[in-house]
Amino acid sequence: WLCHNNTDESKQKLPALLMARVPGYAWDQPWTGRVGVTGLECVAAALAAVVAHNSLSAILTCCVEYGGDVDTVAAIAMAAASGSREVEQNLPGHLVEGLENGGYGRDYLVKLDQRLHEVVTSP
């Protein structure tokens, strides 16, 4: 939805979108405290970080500061926010260049991102 900004909707509308499609959870509540390992907790925490912050670096910092399963939360949040016009794409170069580059490393992720972009932007 938000990835590669294939929409004119604001990220502030994400909680309402999730509440309509996945009812029964408080998607509109800010996340506080450590994040457990359940998918629900990870998605809720990631959503809260994306809605609350306007730059990738701030979203990443927020995810790490939660504590708990922060790698999963950060992966979800960063994927959701990458490419959005509402989110400043300001990760320091060393965080990208320093990624390991094995079979499923940095180059693989860049190609995957490009393919995803082609899928969501093709007519």
PDB file of N, CA and C in Angstrom:
ATOM      1  N   TRP A   1       0.830  -1.196   0.000  1.00  0.00           N
ATOM      2  CA  TRP A   1       0.000   0.000   0.000  1.00  0.00           C
ATOM      3  C   TRP A   1       0.866   1.249   0.000  1.00  0.00           C
ATOM      4  N   LEU A   2       1.706   1.384   0.972  1.00  0.00           N
ATOM      5  CA  LEU A   2       2.531   2.585   1.097  1.00  0.00           C
ATOM      6  C   LEU A   2       3.828   2.442   0.302  1.00  0.00           C
ATOM      7  N   CYS A   3       4.284   1.216   0.179  1.00  0.00           N
ATOM      8  CA  CYS A   3       5.565   0.983  -0.475  1.00  0.00           C
ATOM      9  C   CYS A   3       5.562   1.529  -1.896  1.00  0.00           C
ATOM     10  N   HIS A   4       6.546   2.300  -2.221  1.00  0.00           N
ATOM     11  CA  HIS A   4       6.708   2.921  -3.531  1.00  0.00           C
ATOM     12  C   HIS A   4       5.582   3.883  -3.858  1.00  0.00           C
ATOM     13  N   ASN A   5       4.851   4.267  -2.847  1.00  0.00           N
ATOM     14  CA  ASN A   5       3.840   5.323  -2.933  1.00  0.00           C
ATOM     15  C   ASN A   5       2.916   5.182  -4.137  1.00  0.00           C
ATOM     16  N   ASN A   6       2.373   4.013  -4.277  1.00  0.00           N
ATOM     17  CA  ASN A   6       1.436   3.754  -5.360  1.00  0.00           C
ATOM     18  C   ASN A   6       0.031   4.207  -4.952  1.00  0.00           C
ATOM     19  N   THR A   7      -0.039   5.327  -4.254  1.00  0.00           N
ATOM     20  CA  THR A   7      -1.313   5.840  -3.765  1.00  0.00           C
ATOM     21  C   THR A   7      -1.192   7.315  -3.447  1.00  0.00           C
ATOM     22  N   ASP A   8      -2.303   7.988  -3.416  1.00  0.00           N
ATOM     23  CA  ASP A   8      -2.331   9.382  -2.980  1.00  0.00           C
ATOM     24  C   ASP A   8      -2.768   9.494  -1.525  1.00  0.00           C
ATOM     25  N   GLU A   9      -3.052   8.379  -0.891  1.00  0.00           N
ATOM     26  CA  GLU A   9      -3.500   8.377   0.497  1.00  0.00           C
ATOM     27  C   GLU A   9      -2.344   8.698   1.440  1.00  0.00           C
ATOM     28  N   SER A  10      -2.669   9.342   2.545  1.00  0.00           N
ATOM     29  CA  SER A  10      -1.680   9.668   3.566  1.00  0.00           C
ATOM     30  C   SER A  10      -1.381   8.445   4.420  1.00  0.00           C
ATOM     31  N   LYS A  11      -0.149   8.353   4.904  1.00  0.00           N
ATOM     32  CA  LYS A  11       0.210   7.263   5.816  1.00  0.00           C
ATOM     33  C   LYS A  11      -0.603   7.331   7.095  1.00  0.00           C
ATOM     34  N   GLN A  12      -1.148   8.492   7.406  1.00  0.00           N
ATOM     35  CA  GLN A  12      -1.986   8.634   8.597  1.00  0.00           C
ATOM     36  C   GLN A  12      -3.265   7.802   8.484  1.00  0.00           C
ATOM     37  N   LYS A  13      -3.627   7.407   7.274  1.00  0.00           N
ATOM     38  CA  LYS A  13      -4.834   6.605   7.062  1.00  0.00           C
ATOM     39  C   LYS A  13      -4.576   5.101   7.165  1.00  0.00           C
ATOM     40  N   LEU A  14      -3.320   4.708   7.337  1.00  0.00           N
ATOM     41  CA  LEU A  14      -2.997   3.286   7.437  1.00  0.00           C
ATOM     42  C   LEU A  14      -3.736   2.576   8.570  1.00  0.00           C
ATOM     43  N   PRO A  15      -3.805   3.150   9.782  1.00  0.00           N
ATOM     44  CA  PRO A  15      -4.535   2.444  10.845  1.00  0.00           C
ATOM     45  C   PRO A  15      -5.997   2.176  10.482  1.00  0.00           C
ATOM     46  N   ALA A  16      -6.670   3.148   9.895  1.00  0.00           N
ATOM     47  CA  ALA A  16      -8.074   2.956   9.507  1.00  0.00           C
ATOM     48  C   ALA A  16      -8.197   1.884   8.427  1.00  0.00           C
ATOM     49  N   LEU A  17      -7.257   1.871   7.489  1.00  0.00           N
ATOM     50  CA  LEU A  17      -7.265   0.853   6.443  1.00  0.00           C
ATOM     51  C   LEU A  17      -7.140  -0.538   7.059  1.00  0.00           C
ATOM     52  N   LEU A  18      -6.213  -0.689   7.995  1.00  0.00           N
ATOM     53  CA  LEU A  18      -6.045  -1.988   8.648  1.00  0.00           C
ATOM     54  C   LEU A  18      -7.255  -2.349   9.497  1.00  0.00           C
ATOM     55  N   MET A  19      -7.831  -1.378  10.197  1.00  0.00           N
ATOM     56  CA  MET A  19      -9.008  -1.665  11.020  1.00  0.00           C
ATOM     57  C   MET A  19     -10.168  -2.145  10.149  1.00  0.00           C
ATOM     58  N   ALA A  20     -10.282  -1.623   8.930  1.00  0.00           N
ATOM     59  CA  ALA A  20     -11.348  -2.044   8.021  1.00  0.00           C
ATOM     60  C   ALA A  20     -11.096  -3.449   7.464  1.00  0.00           C
ATOM     61  N   ARG A  21      -9.831  -3.782   7.255  1.00  0.00           N
ATOM     62  CA  ARG A  21      -9.505  -5.070   6.633  1.00  0.00           C
ATOM     63  C   ARG A  21      -9.181  -6.162   7.643  1.00  0.00           C
ATOM     64  N   VAL A  22      -8.674  -5.765   8.803  1.00  0.00           N
ATOM     65  CA  VAL A  22      -8.315  -6.727   9.850  1.00  0.00           C
ATOM     66  C   VAL A  22      -8.918  -6.211  11.158  1.00  0.00           C
ATOM     67  N   PRO A  23     -10.238  -6.353  11.316  1.00  0.00           N
ATOM     68  CA  PRO A  23     -10.901  -5.796  12.500  1.00  0.00           C
ATOM     69  C   PRO A  23     -10.543  -6.558  13.774  1.00  0.00           C
ATOM     70  N   GLY A  24     -10.811  -5.906  14.891  1.00  0.00           N
ATOM     71  CA  GLY A  24     -10.605  -6.553  16.180  1.00  0.00           C
ATOM     72  C   GLY A  24      -9.311  -6.196  16.869  1.00  0.00           C
ATOM     73  N   TYR A  25      -8.504  -5.355  16.243  1.00  0.00           N
ATOM     74  CA  TYR A  25      -7.235  -4.945  16.834  1.00  0.00           C
ATOM     75  C   TYR A  25      -7.185  -3.426  16.892  1.00  0.00           C
ATOM     76  N   ALA A  26      -6.451  -2.906  17.850  1.00  0.00           N
ATOM     77  CA  ALA A  26      -6.344  -1.449  18.038  1.00  0.00           C
ATOM     78  C   ALA A  26      -5.200  -0.905  17.186  1.00  0.00           C
ATOM     79  N   TRP A  27      -5.367  -0.939  15.871  1.00  0.00           N
ATOM     80  CA  TRP A  27      -4.321  -0.498  14.954  1.00  0.00           C
ATOM     81  C   TRP A  27      -4.004   0.984  15.095  1.00  0.00           C
ATOM     82  N   ASP A  28      -4.917   1.750  15.658  1.00  0.00           N
ATOM     83  CA  ASP A  28      -4.721   3.201  15.757  1.00  0.00           C
ATOM     84  C   ASP A  28      -4.044   3.634  17.052  1.00  0.00           C
ATOM     85  N   GLN A  29      -3.612   2.699  17.876  1.00  0.00           N
ATOM     86  CA  GLN A  29      -2.983   3.035  19.150  1.00  0.00           C
ATOM     87  C   GLN A  29      -1.462   3.106  19.007  1.00  0.00           C
ATOM     88  N   PRO A  30      -0.837   4.121  19.608  1.00  0.00           N
ATOM     89  CA  PRO A  30       0.634   4.174  19.601  1.00  0.00           C
ATOM     90  C   PRO A  30       1.196   2.960  20.340  1.00  0.00           C
ATOM     91  N   TRP A  31       2.329   2.486  19.898  1.00  0.00           N
ATOM     92  CA  TRP A  31       2.962   1.343  20.557  1.00  0.00           C
ATOM     93  C   TRP A  31       3.843   1.844  21.681  1.00  0.00           C
ATOM     94  N   THR A  32       3.813   1.149  22.815  1.00  0.00           N
ATOM     95  CA  THR A  32       4.717   1.460  23.924  1.00  0.00           C
ATOM     96  C   THR A  32       5.301   0.157  24.443  1.00  0.00           C
ATOM     97  N   GLY A  33       6.534   0.222  24.874  1.00  0.00           N
ATOM     98  CA  GLY A  33       7.170  -0.930  25.488  1.00  0.00           C
ATOM     99  C   GLY A  33       7.793  -1.895  24.496  1.00  0.00           C
ATOM    100  N   ARG A  34       8.276  -3.003  25.068  1.00  0.00           N
ATOM    101  CA  ARG A  34       8.951  -4.026  24.272  1.00  0.00           C
ATOM    102  C   ARG A  34       7.975  -4.704  23.325  1.00  0.00           C
ATOM    103  N   VAL A  35       8.520  -5.170  22.217  1.00  0.00           N
ATOM    104  CA  VAL A  35       7.714  -5.876  21.223  1.00  0.00           C
ATOM    105  C   VAL A  35       7.969  -7.369  21.367  1.00  0.00           C
ATOM    106  N   GLY A  36       6.881  -8.126  21.475  1.00  0.00           N
ATOM    107  CA  GLY A  36       6.996  -9.578  21.534  1.00  0.00           C
ATOM    108  C   GLY A  36       7.240 -10.161  20.153  1.00  0.00           C
ATOM    109  N   VAL A  37       7.145 -11.479  20.057  1.00  0.00           N
ATOM    110  CA  VAL A  37       7.481 -12.148  18.804  1.00  0.00           C
ATOM    111  C   VAL A  37       6.270 -12.464  17.934  1.00  0.00           C
ATOM    112  N   THR A  38       5.075 -12.101  18.364  1.00  0.00           N
ATOM    113  CA  THR A  38       3.905 -12.407  17.535  1.00  0.00           C
ATOM    114  C   THR A  38       3.822 -11.441  16.360  1.00  0.00           C
ATOM    115  N   GLY A  39       3.265 -11.913  15.280  1.00  0.00           N
ATOM    116  CA  GLY A  39       3.098 -11.076  14.098  1.00  0.00           C
ATOM    117  C   GLY A  39       2.270  -9.846  14.381  1.00  0.00           C
ATOM    118  N   LEU A  40       1.227 -10.006  15.175  1.00  0.00           N
ATOM    119  CA  LEU A  40       0.358  -8.883  15.514  1.00  0.00           C
ATOM    120  C   LEU A  40       1.137  -7.774  16.209  1.00  0.00           C
ATOM    121  N   GLU A  41       1.938  -8.141  17.193  1.00  0.00           N
ATOM    122  CA  GLU A  41       2.732  -7.134  17.904  1.00  0.00           C
ATOM    123  C   GLU A  41       3.726  -6.448  16.967  1.00  0.00           C
ATOM    124  N   CYS A  42       4.391  -7.228  16.140  1.00  0.00           N
ATOM    125  CA  CYS A  42       5.400  -6.660  15.236  1.00  0.00           C
ATOM    126  C   CYS A  42       4.776  -5.699  14.234  1.00  0.00           C
ATOM    127  N   VAL A  43       3.639  -6.078  13.653  1.00  0.00           N
ATOM    128  CA  VAL A  43       2.975  -5.202  12.687  1.00  0.00           C
ATOM    129  C   VAL A  43       2.440  -3.954  13.373  1.00  0.00           C
ATOM    130  N   ALA A  44       1.838  -4.107  14.552  1.00  0.00           N
ATOM    131  CA  ALA A  44       1.297  -2.948  15.275  1.00  0.00           C
ATOM    132  C   ALA A  44       2.402  -1.963  15.643  1.00  0.00           C
ATOM    133  N   ALA A  45       3.532  -2.467  16.111  1.00  0.00           N
ATOM    134  CA  ALA A  45       4.647  -1.592  16.475  1.00  0.00           C
ATOM    135  C   ALA A  45       5.231  -0.912  15.237  1.00  0.00           C
ATOM    136  N   ALA A  46       5.382  -1.656  14.148  1.00  0.00           N
ATOM    137  CA  ALA A  46       5.905  -1.077  12.905  1.00  0.00           C
ATOM    138  C   ALA A  46       4.969   0.000  12.378  1.00  0.00           C
ATOM    139  N   LEU A  47       3.685  -0.272  12.388  1.00  0.00           N
ATOM    140  CA  LEU A  47       2.690   0.698  11.932  1.00  0.00           C
ATOM    141  C   LEU A  47       2.768   1.974  12.759  1.00  0.00           C
ATOM    142  N   ALA A  48       2.867   1.834  14.067  1.00  0.00           N
ATOM    143  CA  ALA A  48       2.956   3.007  14.941  1.00  0.00           C
ATOM    144  C   ALA A  48       4.193   3.839  14.615  1.00  0.00           C
ATOM    145  N   ALA A  49       5.314   3.187  14.345  1.00  0.00           N
ATOM    146  CA  ALA A  49       6.548   3.912  14.014  1.00  0.00           C
ATOM    147  C   ALA A  49       6.409   4.668  12.699  1.00  0.00           C
ATOM    148  N   VAL A  50       5.825   4.028  11.694  1.00  0.00           N
ATOM    149  CA  VAL A  50       5.663   4.672  10.383  1.00  0.00           C
ATOM    150  C   VAL A  50       4.726   5.870  10.473  1.00  0.00           C
ATOM    151  N   VAL A  51       3.632   5.711  11.188  1.00  0.00           N
ATOM    152  CA  VAL A  51       2.654   6.798  11.301  1.00  0.00           C
ATOM    153  C   VAL A  51       3.228   7.972  12.090  1.00  0.00           C
ATOM    154  N   ALA A  52       4.035   7.689  13.104  1.00  0.00           N
ATOM    155  CA  ALA A  52       4.527   8.733  14.007  1.00  0.00           C
ATOM    156  C   ALA A  52       5.726   9.511  13.476  1.00  0.00           C
ATOM    157  N   HIS A  53       6.459   8.966  12.511  1.00  0.00           N
ATOM    158  CA  HIS A  53       7.714   9.594  12.092  1.00  0.00           C
ATOM    159  C   HIS A  53       7.746   9.837  10.589  1.00  0.00           C
ATOM    160  N   ASN A  54       8.538  10.827  10.188  1.00  0.00           N
ATOM    161  CA  ASN A  54       8.565  11.258   8.794  1.00  0.00           C
ATOM    162  C   ASN A  54       9.906  11.064   8.097  1.00  0.00           C
ATOM    163  N   SER A  55      10.784  10.264   8.674  1.00  0.00           N
ATOM    164  CA  SER A  55      12.051   9.958   8.009  1.00  0.00           C
ATOM    165  C   SER A  55      12.428   8.515   8.318  1.00  0.00           C
ATOM    166  N   LEU A  56      13.145   7.888   7.380  1.00  0.00           N
ATOM    167  CA  LEU A  56      13.568   6.511   7.604  1.00  0.00           C
ATOM    168  C   LEU A  56      14.446   6.391   8.836  1.00  0.00           C
ATOM    169  N   SER A  57      15.337   7.361   9.041  1.00  0.00           N
ATOM    170  CA  SER A  57      16.220   7.275  10.208  1.00  0.00           C
ATOM    171  C   SER A  57      15.427   7.361  11.508  1.00  0.00           C
ATOM    172  N   ALA A  58      14.409   8.201  11.557  1.00  0.00           N
ATOM    173  CA  ALA A  58      13.583   8.314  12.766  1.00  0.00           C
ATOM    174  C   ALA A  58      12.745   7.055  12.972  1.00  0.00           C
ATOM    175  N   ILE A  59      12.234   6.486  11.888  1.00  0.00           N
ATOM    176  CA  ILE A  59      11.457   5.246  11.992  1.00  0.00           C
ATOM    177  C   ILE A  59      12.345   4.122  12.509  1.00  0.00           C
ATOM    178  N   LEU A  60      13.545   3.993  11.959  1.00  0.00           N
ATOM    179  CA  LEU A  60      14.474   2.955  12.400  1.00  0.00           C
ATOM    180  C   LEU A  60      14.844   3.138  13.867  1.00  0.00           C
ATOM    181  N   THR A  61      15.153   4.358  14.257  1.00  0.00           N
ATOM    182  CA  THR A  61      15.496   4.638  15.656  1.00  0.00           C
ATOM    183  C   THR A  61      14.344   4.263  16.576  1.00  0.00           C
ATOM    184  N   CYS A  62      13.137   4.642  16.206  1.00  0.00           N
ATOM    185  CA  CYS A  62      11.954   4.322  16.998  1.00  0.00           C
ATOM    186  C   CYS A  62      11.809   2.809  17.169  1.00  0.00           C
ATOM    187  N   CYS A  63      11.960   2.071  16.083  1.00  0.00           N
ATOM    188  CA  CYS A  63      11.822   0.614  16.139  1.00  0.00           C
ATOM    189  C   CYS A  63      12.848  -0.016  17.079  1.00  0.00           C
ATOM    190  N   VAL A  64      14.072   0.449  17.010  1.00  0.00           N
ATOM    191  CA  VAL A  64      15.129  -0.099  17.866  1.00  0.00           C
ATOM    192  C   VAL A  64      14.867   0.247  19.328  1.00  0.00           C
ATOM    193  N   GLU A  65      14.365   1.447  19.574  1.00  0.00           N
ATOM    194  CA  GLU A  65      14.117   1.878  20.952  1.00  0.00           C
ATOM    195  C   GLU A  65      12.986   1.107  21.626  1.00  0.00           C
ATOM    196  N   TYR A  66      12.092   0.484  20.865  1.00  0.00           N
ATOM    197  CA  TYR A  66      11.035  -0.321  21.486  1.00  0.00           C
ATOM    198  C   TYR A  66      11.625  -1.416  22.359  1.00  0.00           C
ATOM    199  N   GLY A  67      12.674  -2.071  21.869  1.00  0.00           N
ATOM    200  CA  GLY A  67      13.198  -3.243  22.550  1.00  0.00           C
ATOM    201  C   GLY A  67      12.408  -4.472  22.136  1.00  0.00           C
ATOM    202  N   GLY A  68      12.957  -5.640  22.388  1.00  0.00           N
ATOM    203  CA  GLY A  68      12.286  -6.876  22.003  1.00  0.00           C
ATOM    204  C   GLY A  68      12.643  -7.279  20.586  1.00  0.00           C
ATOM    205  N   ASP A  69      11.655  -7.715  19.824  1.00  0.00           N
ATOM    206  CA  ASP A  69      11.875  -8.226  18.465  1.00  0.00           C
ATOM    207  C   ASP A  69      12.033  -7.075  17.474  1.00  0.00           C
ATOM    208  N   VAL A  70      13.040  -6.251  17.707  1.00  0.00           N
ATOM    209  CA  VAL A  70      13.190  -5.014  16.931  1.00  0.00           C
ATOM    210  C   VAL A  70      13.645  -5.250  15.495  1.00  0.00           C
ATOM    211  N   ASP A  71      14.338  -6.351  15.223  1.00  0.00           N
ATOM    212  CA  ASP A  71      14.763  -6.581  13.840  1.00  0.00           C
ATOM    213  C   ASP A  71      13.563  -6.847  12.939  1.00  0.00           C
ATOM    214  N   THR A  72      12.598  -7.601  13.426  1.00  0.00           N
ATOM    215  CA  THR A  72      11.385  -7.859  12.650  1.00  0.00           C
ATOM    216  C   THR A  72      10.573  -6.585  12.486  1.00  0.00           C
ATOM    217  N   VAL A  73      10.408  -5.846  13.576  1.00  0.00           N
ATOM    218  CA  VAL A  73       9.640  -4.596  13.530  1.00  0.00           C
ATOM    219  C   VAL A  73      10.281  -3.616  12.552  1.00  0.00           C
ATOM    220  N   ALA A  74      11.589  -3.458  12.633  1.00  0.00           N
ATOM    221  CA  ALA A  74      12.285  -2.525  11.741  1.00  0.00           C
ATOM    222  C   ALA A  74      12.174  -2.970  10.285  1.00  0.00           C
ATOM    223  N   ALA A  75      12.272  -4.262  10.025  1.00  0.00           N
ATOM    224  CA  ALA A  75      12.152  -4.753   8.648  1.00  0.00           C
ATOM    225  C   ALA A  75      10.776  -4.428   8.076  1.00  0.00           C
ATOM    226  N   ILE A  76       9.731  -4.626   8.860  1.00  0.00           N
ATOM    227  CA  ILE A  76       8.368  -4.329   8.405  1.00  0.00           C
ATOM    228  C   ILE A  76       8.202  -2.833   8.180  1.00  0.00           C
ATOM    229  N   ALA A  77       8.614  -2.045   9.153  1.00  0.00           N
ATOM    230  CA  ALA A  77       8.427  -0.589   9.071  1.00  0.00           C
ATOM    231  C   ALA A  77       9.229   0.024   7.929  1.00  0.00           C
ATOM    232  N   MET A  78      10.478  -0.389   7.786  1.00  0.00           N
ATOM    233  CA  MET A  78      11.324   0.195   6.743  1.00  0.00           C
ATOM    234  C   MET A  78      10.819  -0.196   5.355  1.00  0.00           C
ATOM    235  N   ALA A  79      10.357  -1.430   5.209  1.00  0.00           N
ATOM    236  CA  ALA A  79       9.800  -1.849   3.921  1.00  0.00           C
ATOM    237  C   ALA A  79       8.540  -1.060   3.593  1.00  0.00           C
ATOM    238  N   ALA A  80       7.699  -0.835   4.594  1.00  0.00           N
ATOM    239  CA  ALA A  80       6.454  -0.096   4.371  1.00  0.00           C
ATOM    240  C   ALA A  80       6.720   1.357   4.014  1.00  0.00           C
ATOM    241  N   ALA A  81       7.763   1.943   4.584  1.00  0.00           N
ATOM    242  CA  ALA A  81       8.016   3.376   4.404  1.00  0.00           C
ATOM    243  C   ALA A  81       8.964   3.698   3.251  1.00  0.00           C
ATOM    244  N   SER A  82       9.708   2.716   2.788  1.00  0.00           N
ATOM    245  CA  SER A  82      10.686   3.008   1.734  1.00  0.00           C
ATOM    246  C   SER A  82       9.978   3.441   0.462  1.00  0.00           C
ATOM    247  N   GLY A  83      10.450   4.497  -0.111  1.00  0.00           N
ATOM    248  CA  GLY A  83       9.878   4.999  -1.348  1.00  0.00           C
ATOM    249  C   GLY A  83       8.675   5.896  -1.186  1.00  0.00           C
ATOM    250  N   SER A  84       8.209   6.098   0.034  1.00  0.00           N
ATOM    251  CA  SER A  84       7.040   6.952   0.255  1.00  0.00           C
ATOM    252  C   SER A  84       7.410   8.422   0.105  1.00  0.00           C
ATOM    253  N   ARG A  85       6.535   9.181  -0.528  1.00  0.00           N
ATOM    254  CA  ARG A  85       6.761  10.630  -0.639  1.00  0.00           C
ATOM    255  C   ARG A  85       6.640  11.317   0.717  1.00  0.00           C
ATOM    256  N   GLU A  86       5.976  10.679   1.661  1.00  0.00           N
ATOM    257  CA  GLU A  86       5.783  11.278   2.978  1.00  0.00           C
ATOM    258  C   GLU A  86       6.944  11.021   3.930  1.00  0.00           C
ATOM    259  N   VAL A  87       7.848  10.154   3.547  1.00  0.00           N
ATOM    260  CA  VAL A  87       8.938   9.754   4.431  1.00  0.00           C
ATOM    261  C   VAL A  87      10.265  10.131   3.786  1.00  0.00           C
ATOM    262  N   GLU A  88      11.043  10.944   4.501  1.00  0.00           N
ATOM    263  CA  GLU A  88      12.363  11.337   4.013  1.00  0.00           C
ATOM    264  C   GLU A  88      13.260  10.103   3.943  1.00  0.00           C
ATOM    265  N   GLN A  89      13.869   9.891   2.809  1.00  0.00           N
ATOM    266  CA  GLN A  89      14.724   8.721   2.574  1.00  0.00           C
ATOM    267  C   GLN A  89      16.155   9.078   2.990  1.00  0.00           C
ATOM    268  N   ASN A  90      16.405   9.107   4.283  1.00  0.00           N
ATOM    269  CA  ASN A  90      17.649   9.680   4.796  1.00  0.00           C
ATOM    270  C   ASN A  90      18.527   8.705   5.573  1.00  0.00           C
ATOM    271  N   LEU A  91      18.480   7.441   5.241  1.00  0.00           N
ATOM    272  CA  LEU A  91      19.371   6.514   5.932  1.00  0.00           C
ATOM    273  C   LEU A  91      20.819   6.840   5.585  1.00  0.00           C
ATOM    274  N   PRO A  92      21.700   6.814   6.569  1.00  0.00           N
ATOM    275  CA  PRO A  92      23.116   7.048   6.279  1.00  0.00           C
ATOM    276  C   PRO A  92      23.642   5.977   5.319  1.00  0.00           C
ATOM    277  N   GLY A  93      24.494   6.390   4.403  1.00  0.00           N
ATOM    278  CA  GLY A  93      25.037   5.479   3.404  1.00  0.00           C
ATOM    279  C   GLY A  93      25.682   4.240   3.988  1.00  0.00           C
ATOM    280  N   HIS A  94      26.342   4.379   5.141  1.00  0.00           N
ATOM    281  CA  HIS A  94      27.041   3.221   5.704  1.00  0.00           C
ATOM    282  C   HIS A  94      26.080   2.113   6.134  1.00  0.00           C
ATOM    283  N   LEU A  95      24.820   2.461   6.415  1.00  0.00           N
ATOM    284  CA  LEU A  95      23.862   1.418   6.780  1.00  0.00           C
ATOM    285  C   LEU A  95      23.482   0.568   5.572  1.00  0.00           C
ATOM    286  N   VAL A  96      23.483   1.162   4.408  1.00  0.00           N
ATOM    287  CA  VAL A  96      23.172   0.417   3.184  1.00  0.00           C
ATOM    288  C   VAL A  96      24.432  -0.261   2.656  1.00  0.00           C
ATOM    289  N   GLU A  97      25.505   0.501   2.529  1.00  0.00           N
ATOM    290  CA  GLU A  97      26.749  -0.047   1.982  1.00  0.00           C
ATOM    291  C   GLU A  97      27.348  -1.115   2.890  1.00  0.00           C
ATOM    292  N   GLY A  98      27.064  -1.043   4.177  1.00  0.00           N
ATOM    293  CA  GLY A  98      27.619  -1.998   5.124  1.00  0.00           C
ATOM    294  C   GLY A  98      26.847  -3.305   5.232  1.00  0.00           C
ATOM    295  N   LEU A  99      25.738  -3.432   4.511  1.00  0.00           N
ATOM    296  CA  LEU A  99      24.983  -4.685   4.543  1.00  0.00           C
ATOM    297  C   LEU A  99      25.819  -5.810   3.948  1.00  0.00           C
ATOM    298  N   GLU A 100      25.697  -6.995   4.520  1.00  0.00           N
ATOM    299  CA  GLU A 100      26.404  -8.132   3.925  1.00  0.00           C
ATOM    300  C   GLU A 100      25.848  -8.345   2.527  1.00  0.00           C
ATOM    301  N   ASN A 101      26.658  -8.947   1.674  1.00  0.00           N
ATOM    302  CA  ASN A 101      26.254  -9.055   0.281  1.00  0.00           C
ATOM    303  C   ASN A 101      26.418 -10.473  -0.251  1.00  0.00           C
ATOM    304  N   GLY A 102      25.940 -11.439   0.540  1.00  0.00           N
ATOM    305  CA  GLY A 102      25.937 -12.827   0.086  1.00  0.00           C
ATOM    306  C   GLY A 102      24.798 -13.054  -0.901  1.00  0.00           C
ATOM    307  N   GLY A 103      24.399 -14.293  -1.042  1.00  0.00           N
ATOM    308  CA  GLY A 103      23.360 -14.657  -1.995  1.00  0.00           C
ATOM    309  C   GLY A 103      22.057 -13.892  -1.818  1.00  0.00           C
ATOM    310  N   TYR A 104      21.701 -13.603  -0.587  1.00  0.00           N
ATOM    311  CA  TYR A 104      20.471 -12.853  -0.304  1.00  0.00           C
ATOM    312  C   TYR A 104      20.789 -11.549   0.421  1.00  0.00           C
ATOM    313  N   GLY A 105      21.883 -10.937   0.052  1.00  0.00           N
ATOM    314  CA  GLY A 105      22.340  -9.705   0.692  1.00  0.00           C
ATOM    315  C   GLY A 105      21.874  -8.454  -0.020  1.00  0.00           C
ATOM    316  N   ARG A 106      22.699  -7.420   0.077  1.00  0.00           N
ATOM    317  CA  ARG A 106      22.356  -6.078  -0.411  1.00  0.00           C
ATOM    318  C   ARG A 106      21.923  -6.062  -1.876  1.00  0.00           C
ATOM    319  N   ASP A 107      22.711  -6.659  -2.768  1.00  0.00           N
ATOM    320  CA  ASP A 107      22.370  -6.630  -4.197  1.00  0.00           C
ATOM    321  C   ASP A 107      21.048  -7.346  -4.469  1.00  0.00           C
ATOM    322  N   TYR A 108      20.828  -8.462  -3.785  1.00  0.00           N
ATOM    323  CA  TYR A 108      19.565  -9.192  -3.929  1.00  0.00           C
ATOM    324  C   TYR A 108      18.395  -8.309  -3.506  1.00  0.00           C
ATOM    325  N   LEU A 109      18.532  -7.616  -2.382  1.00  0.00           N
ATOM    326  CA  LEU A 109      17.460  -6.747  -1.895  1.00  0.00           C
ATOM    327  C   LEU A 109      17.193  -5.585  -2.845  1.00  0.00           C
ATOM    328  N   VAL A 110      18.245  -5.020  -3.417  1.00  0.00           N
ATOM    329  CA  VAL A 110      18.073  -3.921  -4.378  1.00  0.00           C
ATOM    330  C   VAL A 110      17.294  -4.415  -5.595  1.00  0.00           C
ATOM    331  N   LYS A 111      17.651  -5.591  -6.112  1.00  0.00           N
ATOM    332  CA  LYS A 111      16.938  -6.145  -7.274  1.00  0.00           C
ATOM    333  C   LYS A 111      15.488  -6.470  -6.925  1.00  0.00           C
ATOM    334  N   LEU A 112      15.264  -7.016  -5.744  1.00  0.00           N
ATOM    335  CA  LEU A 112      13.907  -7.318  -5.296  1.00  0.00           C
ATOM    336  C   LEU A 112      13.078  -6.043  -5.194  1.00  0.00           C
ATOM    337  N   ASP A 113      13.680  -5.000  -4.671  1.00  0.00           N
ATOM    338  CA  ASP A 113      13.004  -3.710  -4.561  1.00  0.00           C
ATOM    339  C   ASP A 113      12.651  -3.165  -5.943  1.00  0.00           C
ATOM    340  N   GLN A 114      13.562  -3.280  -6.883  1.00  0.00           N
ATOM    341  CA  GLN A 114      13.298  -2.805  -8.249  1.00  0.00           C
ATOM    342  C   GLN A 114      12.161  -3.588  -8.894  1.00  0.00           C
ATOM    343  N   ARG A 115      12.138  -4.901  -8.686  1.00  0.00           N
ATOM    344  CA  ARG A 115      11.056  -5.720  -9.254  1.00  0.00           C
ATOM    345  C   ARG A 115       9.720  -5.359  -8.622  1.00  0.00           C
ATOM    346  N   LEU A 116       9.708  -5.148  -7.322  1.00  0.00           N
ATOM    347  CA  LEU A 116       8.477  -4.749  -6.642  1.00  0.00           C
ATOM    348  C   LEU A 116       7.980  -3.419  -7.187  1.00  0.00           C
ATOM    349  N   HIS A 117       8.895  -2.491  -7.375  1.00  0.00           N
ATOM    350  CA  HIS A 117       8.523  -1.183  -7.918  1.00  0.00           C
ATOM    351  C   HIS A 117       7.890  -1.333  -9.301  1.00  0.00           C
ATOM    352  N   GLU A 118       8.465  -2.185 -10.133  1.00  0.00           N
ATOM    353  CA  GLU A 118       7.907  -2.412 -11.469  1.00  0.00           C
ATOM    354  C   GLU A 118       6.498  -2.994 -11.390  1.00  0.00           C
ATOM    355  N   VAL A 119       6.279  -3.910 -10.464  1.00  0.00           N
ATOM    356  CA  VAL A 119       4.961  -4.538 -10.322  1.00  0.00           C
ATOM    357  C   VAL A 119       3.913  -3.530  -9.879  1.00  0.00           C
ATOM    358  N   VAL A 120       4.238  -2.719  -8.884  1.00  0.00           N
ATOM    359  CA  VAL A 120       3.221  -1.805  -8.344  1.00  0.00           C
ATOM    360  C   VAL A 120       3.013  -0.570  -9.198  1.00  0.00           C
ATOM    361  N   THR A 121       3.939  -0.270 -10.101  1.00  0.00           N
ATOM    362  CA  THR A 121       3.766   0.926 -10.926  1.00  0.00           C
ATOM    363  C   THR A 121       3.349   0.616 -12.358  1.00  0.00           C
ATOM    364  N   SER A 122       3.297  -0.671 -12.721  1.00  0.00           N
ATOM    365  CA  SER A 122       2.879  -0.995 -14.091  1.00  0.00           C
ATOM    366  C   SER A 122       1.356  -0.903 -14.196  1.00  0.00           C
ATOM    367  N   PRO A 123       0.865  -0.483 -15.372  1.00  0.00           N
ATOM    368  CA  PRO A 123      -0.591  -0.327 -15.538  1.00  0.00           C
ATOM    369  C   PRO A 123      -1.345  -1.637 -15.498  1.00  0.00           C
TER     370      PRO A 123
END
